[in-house]
C-alpha atoms as a PDB file:
ATOM      1  CA  PRO A   1     -14.381 -33.247  15.450  1.00  0.00           C
ATOM      2  CA  PRO A   2     -16.068 -29.890  16.012  1.00  0.00           C
ATOM      3  CA  VAL A   3     -13.806 -26.899  16.498  1.00  0.00           C
ATOM      4  CA  SER A   4     -14.683 -24.146  18.950  1.00  0.00           C
ATOM      5  CA  VAL A   5     -14.122 -20.496  18.092  1.00  0.00           C
ATOM      6  CA  ALA A   6     -14.036 -19.609  21.788  1.00  0.00           C
ATOM      7  CA  THR A   7     -10.543 -19.207  23.178  1.00  0.00           C
ATOM      8  CA  GLN A   8      -9.062 -18.590  26.580  1.00  0.00           C
ATOM      9  CA  THR A   9      -5.880 -16.758  27.458  1.00  0.00           C
ATOM     10  CA  ALA A  10      -3.345 -19.344  28.573  1.00  0.00           C
ATOM     11  CA  ALA A  11      -0.645 -16.821  29.498  1.00  0.00           C
ATOM     12  CA  PRO A  12      -0.392 -13.073  29.938  1.00  0.00           C
ATOM     13  CA  PRO A  13       0.026 -11.223  26.620  1.00  0.00           C
ATOM     14  CA  VAL A  14       3.380  -9.817  27.761  1.00  0.00           C
ATOM     15  CA  PRO A  15       5.557 -12.072  29.922  1.00  0.00           C
ATOM     16  CA  GLU A  16       7.081 -10.668  33.103  1.00  0.00           C
ATOM     17  CA  GLU A  17      10.572 -11.267  31.714  1.00  0.00           C
ATOM     18  CA  GLY A  18      12.269 -12.241  28.489  1.00  0.00           C
ATOM     19  CA  ALA A  19      12.600 -10.619  25.107  1.00  0.00           C
ATOM     20  CA  PRO A  20      11.350  -7.025  24.788  1.00  0.00           C
ATOM     21  CA  TYR A  21       7.952  -6.372  23.300  1.00  0.00           C
ATOM     22  CA  VAL A  22       6.795  -3.486  21.160  1.00  0.00           C
ATOM     23  CA  VAL A  23       3.694  -1.440  21.868  1.00  0.00           C
ATOM     24  CA  HIS A  24       1.703   0.677  19.427  1.00  0.00           C
ATOM     25  CA  GLN A  25       3.244   3.925  20.730  1.00  0.00           C
ATOM     26  CA  ASP A  26       6.687   2.623  19.718  1.00  0.00           C
ATOM     27  CA  LEU A  27       5.551   2.778  16.097  1.00  0.00           C
ATOM     28  CA  VAL A  28       4.736   6.474  16.467  1.00  0.00           C
ATOM     29  CA  ASP A  29       8.164   7.156  17.972  1.00  0.00           C
ATOM     30  CA  CYS A  30      10.337   5.014  15.682  1.00  0.00           C
ATOM     31  CA  ALA A  31      12.410   6.405  12.815  1.00  0.00           C
ATOM     32  CA  GLY A  32      12.436   3.034  11.045  1.00  0.00           C
ATOM     33  CA  LEU A  33      11.096  -0.447  11.603  1.00  0.00           C
ATOM     34  CA  ILE A  34      12.467  -3.965  11.177  1.00  0.00           C
ATOM     35  CA  LEU A  35      10.015  -6.808  11.838  1.00  0.00           C
ATOM     36  CA  GLY A  36      11.167 -10.339  12.551  1.00  0.00           C
ATOM     37  CA  SER A  37       9.422 -13.648  12.949  1.00  0.00           C
ATOM     38  CA  PRO A  38      10.223 -17.332  12.824  1.00  0.00           C
ATOM     39  CA  THR A  39       8.744 -19.061   9.811  1.00  0.00           C
ATOM     40  CA  ARG A  40       5.567 -21.044  10.348  1.00  0.00           C
ATOM     41  CA  PHE A  41       4.650 -22.982   7.209  1.00  0.00           C
ATOM     42  CA  GLY A  42       5.882 -20.200   4.930  1.00  0.00           C
ATOM     43  CA  ASN A  43       4.244 -17.423   6.918  1.00  0.00           C
ATOM     44  CA  MET A  44       4.942 -15.163   9.882  1.00  0.00           C
ATOM     45  CA  ALA A  45       4.171 -16.563  13.325  1.00  0.00           C
ATOM     46  CA  ALA A  46       0.721 -15.930  14.791  1.00  0.00           C
ATOM     47  CA  PRO A  47       1.851 -13.497  17.536  1.00  0.00           C
ATOM     48  CA  LEU A  48       3.299 -11.068  14.975  1.00  0.00           C
ATOM     49  CA  LYS A  49       0.241 -11.426  12.740  1.00  0.00           C
ATOM     50  CA  HIS A  50      -1.979 -10.747  15.761  1.00  0.00           C
ATOM     51  CA  PHE A  51      -0.003  -7.590  16.594  1.00  0.00           C
ATOM     52  CA  ILE A  52      -0.145  -6.347  12.999  1.00  0.00           C
ATOM     53  CA  ASP A  53      -3.875  -7.082  12.784  1.00  0.00           C
ATOM     54  CA  GLY A  54      -4.380  -4.779  15.776  1.00  0.00           C
ATOM     55  CA  LEU A  55      -2.834  -1.767  14.026  1.00  0.00           C
ATOM     56  CA  GLY A  56      -6.024  -0.440  12.432  1.00  0.00           C
ATOM     57  CA  ALA A  57      -5.830   2.907  14.229  1.00  0.00           C
ATOM     58  CA  GLU A  58      -2.175   3.330  13.237  1.00  0.00           C
ATOM     59  CA  TRP A  59      -3.046   2.513   9.623  1.00  0.00           C
ATOM     60  CA  ALA A  60      -5.918   5.029   9.623  1.00  0.00           C
ATOM     61  CA  SER A  61      -3.738   7.779  11.097  1.00  0.00           C
ATOM     62  CA  GLY A  62      -0.739   7.071   8.842  1.00  0.00           C
ATOM     63  CA  THR A  63       1.646   6.374  11.717  1.00  0.00           C
ATOM     64  CA  LEU A  64       4.106   4.441   9.542  1.00  0.00           C
ATOM     65  CA  VAL A  65       3.730   6.312   6.248  1.00  0.00           C
ATOM     66  CA  GLY A  66       7.144   7.180   4.824  1.00  0.00           C
ATOM     67  CA  LYS A  67       9.160   5.256   7.412  1.00  0.00           C
ATOM     68  CA  PRO A  68      11.822   2.823   6.177  1.00  0.00           C
ATOM     69  CA  ALA A  69      11.177  -0.810   7.045  1.00  0.00           C
ATOM     70  CA  ALA A  70      12.622  -4.274   6.534  1.00  0.00           C
ATOM     71  CA  VAL A  71      12.015  -7.859   7.630  1.00  0.00           C
ATOM     72  CA  PHE A  72      13.964 -10.896   8.861  1.00  0.00           C
ATOM     73  CA  THR A  73      13.175 -14.528   9.649  1.00  0.00           C
ATOM     74  CA  SER A  74      14.567 -17.930  10.565  1.00  0.00           C
ATOM     75  CA  THR A  75      13.707 -21.458   9.505  1.00  0.00           C
ATOM     76  CA  ALA A  76      14.672 -24.958  10.551  1.00  0.00           C
ATOM     77  CA  THR A  77      15.573 -25.991   7.006  1.00  0.00           C
ATOM     78  CA  MET A  78      17.077 -24.400   3.925  1.00  0.00           C
ATOM     79  CA  HIS A  79      13.817 -24.661   2.000  1.00  0.00           C
ATOM     80  CA  GLY A  80      11.565 -23.964   4.966  1.00  0.00           C
ATOM     81  CA  GLY A  81       9.765 -20.950   3.510  1.00  0.00           C
ATOM     82  CA  GLN A  82      12.077 -18.026   4.274  1.00  0.00           C
ATOM     83  CA  GLU A  83      11.242 -15.968   1.207  1.00  0.00           C
ATOM     84  CA  ALA A  84       7.493 -16.561   1.518  1.00  0.00           C
ATOM     85  CA  THR A  85       7.652 -15.502   5.165  1.00  0.00           C
ATOM     86  CA  LEU A  86       9.632 -12.361   4.369  1.00  0.00           C
ATOM     87  CA  LEU A  87       7.150 -11.426   1.650  1.00  0.00           C
ATOM     88  CA  SER A  88       4.197 -12.083   3.980  1.00  0.00           C
ATOM     89  CA  MET A  89       5.656  -9.609   6.474  1.00  0.00           C
ATOM     90  CA  MET A  90       6.233  -6.984   3.771  1.00  0.00           C
ATOM     91  CA  ILE A  91       2.598  -6.836   2.655  1.00  0.00           C
ATOM     92  CA  PRO A  92       1.218  -5.122   5.782  1.00  0.00           C
ATOM     93  CA  LEU A  93       4.211  -2.755   5.814  1.00  0.00           C
ATOM     94  CA  LEU A  94       3.318  -1.692   2.280  1.00  0.00           C
ATOM     95  CA  HIS A  95      -0.317  -1.198   3.311  1.00  0.00           C
ATOM     96  CA  HIS A  96       0.915   1.058   6.115  1.00  0.00           C
ATOM     97  CA  GLY A  97       2.896   3.167   3.637  1.00  0.00           C
ATOM     98  CA  CYS A  98       6.358   2.076   4.753  1.00  0.00           C
ATOM     99  CA  LEU A  99       9.298   2.298   2.384  1.00  0.00           C
ATOM    100  CA  VAL A 100      10.339  -1.358   2.356  1.00  0.00           C
ATOM    101  CA  ALA A 101      14.001  -2.174   1.692  1.00  0.00           C
ATOM    102  CA  GLY A 102      15.850  -5.423   1.228  1.00  0.00           C
ATOM    103  CA  ILE A 103      19.445  -6.449   0.660  1.00  0.00           C
ATOM    104  CA  PRO A 104      20.908  -5.531  -2.743  1.00  0.00           C
ATOM    105  CA  TYR A 105      22.913  -7.998  -4.810  1.00  0.00           C
ATOM    106  CA  THR A 106      25.881  -5.639  -4.532  1.00  0.00           C
ATOM    107  CA  GLU A 107      26.458  -7.330  -1.160  1.00  0.00           C
ATOM    108  CA  ALA A 108      28.974 -10.102  -1.857  1.00  0.00           C
ATOM    109  CA  ALA A 109      27.728 -12.217   1.055  1.00  0.00           C
ATOM    110  CA  LEU A 110      24.367 -12.544  -0.683  1.00  0.00           C
ATOM    111  CA  HIS A 111      26.144 -14.529  -3.415  1.00  0.00           C
ATOM    112  CA  ALA A 112      28.283 -16.542  -1.004  1.00  0.00           C
ATOM    113  CA  THR A 113      25.819 -17.586   1.703  1.00  0.00           C
ATOM    114  CA  ARG A 114      25.156 -21.299   2.090  1.00  0.00           C
ATOM    115  CA  GLY A 115      22.392 -20.649   4.592  1.00  0.00           C
ATOM    116  CA  GLY A 116      20.120 -17.679   5.092  1.00  0.00           C
ATOM    117  CA  GLY A 117      20.161 -14.254   3.553  1.00  0.00           C
ATOM    118  CA  THR A 118      17.976 -13.172   0.654  1.00  0.00           C
ATOM    119  CA  PRO A 119      17.332  -9.965  -1.274  1.00  0.00           C
ATOM    120  CA  TYR A 120      13.970  -9.833   0.560  1.00  0.00           C
ATOM    121  CA  GLY A 121      15.592  -9.597   3.986  1.00  0.00           C
ATOM    122  CA  ALA A 122      17.917 -11.174   6.491  1.00  0.00           C
ATOM    123  CA  SER A 123      17.383 -14.792   7.460  1.00  0.00           C
ATOM    124  CA  HIS A 124      18.904 -17.683   9.374  1.00  0.00           C
ATOM    125  CA  VAL A 125      18.746 -21.419   8.819  1.00  0.00           C
ATOM    126  CA  ALA A 126      18.722 -22.775  12.366  1.00  0.00           C
ATOM    127  CA  GLY A 127      18.797 -26.422  11.319  1.00  0.00           C
ATOM    128  CA  MET A 128      16.957 -29.305  12.869  1.00  0.00           C
ATOM    129  CA  GLN A 129      19.095 -28.943  16.013  1.00  0.00           C
ATOM    130  CA  ASP A 130      17.891 -25.324  16.417  1.00  0.00           C
ATOM    131  CA  ASP A 131      21.345 -23.721  16.185  1.00  0.00           C
ATOM    132  CA  PRO A 132      20.857 -20.195  17.545  1.00  0.00           C
ATOM    133  CA  GLN A 133      24.089 -18.861  16.049  1.00  0.00           C
ATOM    134  CA  PRO A 134      23.877 -17.352  12.570  1.00  0.00           C
ATOM    135  CA  SER A 135      26.663 -18.089  10.117  1.00  0.00           C
ATOM    136  CA  ASP A 136      29.149 -15.320   9.366  1.00  0.00           C
ATOM    137  CA  ASP A 137      27.321 -14.524   6.111  1.00  0.00           C
ATOM    138  CA  GLU A 138      23.906 -14.506   7.804  1.00  0.00           C
ATOM    139  CA  ALA A 139      25.166 -12.166  10.538  1.00  0.00           C
ATOM    140  CA  LEU A 140      26.845  -9.867   8.014  1.00  0.00           C
ATOM    141  CA  LEU A 141      23.685  -9.640   5.902  1.00  0.00           C
ATOM    142  CA  ALA A 142      21.588  -8.881   8.984  1.00  0.00           C
ATOM    143  CA  ARG A 143      23.953  -6.028   9.877  1.00  0.00           C
ATOM    144  CA  VAL A 144      23.833  -4.762   6.291  1.00  0.00           C
ATOM    145  CA  LEU A 145      20.041  -4.671   6.416  1.00  0.00           C
ATOM    146  CA  GLY A 146      19.991  -2.886   9.773  1.00  0.00           C
ATOM    147  CA  ARG A 147      22.539  -0.355   8.554  1.00  0.00           C
ATOM    148  CA  ARG A 148      20.488   0.324   5.408  1.00  0.00           C
ATOM    149  CA  ILE A 149      17.331   1.037   7.408  1.00  0.00           C
ATOM    150  CA  ALA A 150      19.254   3.303   9.801  1.00  0.00           C
ATOM    151  CA  GLN A 151      20.820   5.198   6.888  1.00  0.00           C
ATOM    152  CA  PHE A 152      17.453   5.593   5.176  1.00  0.00           C
ATOM    153  CA  ALA A 153      15.898   6.874   8.403  1.00  0.00           C
ATOM    154  CA  VAL A 154      18.634   9.505   8.725  1.00  0.00           C
ATOM    155  CA  LYS A 155      18.306  10.563   5.078  1.00  0.00           C
ATOM    156  CA  LEU A 156      14.516  10.731   5.316  1.00  0.00           C
ATOM    157  CA  GLY A 157      14.577  12.515   8.657  1.00  0.00           C
ATOM    158  CA  THR A 158      11.884  10.196  10.007  1.00  0.00           C
END
């Protein structure tokens, strides 16, 4: 069947309530950046991609150059594309001049995890029942990643 390129807004771009949203000015003000997205067929979800695609002015002005950054994701299954998704989120950060960091193998939980957690970033395997609670290892690795970005931001004075 034919596919139309015309689209209509089905909902406001920012809901009245719910999870917080970032605006472009937040990128100017931040000392570091950690992007997260659920995995969609081995890639970041469309809303994050749409936001990133709208950052042309920030790219041109160097808003994120030299700022530490990292990424995190979740999947329904163990082999659901976590690493591909994390890498797909890193590419625009590199184009923006961010200093992208992951989780080093010196973190014991990276060797012990039976779920999420990769050297590319924090992750969670939610399972087919959509378990919102990360395992102890997943939560620890997420905190490690957040701490690393915060420490880098302090050291860099961003």
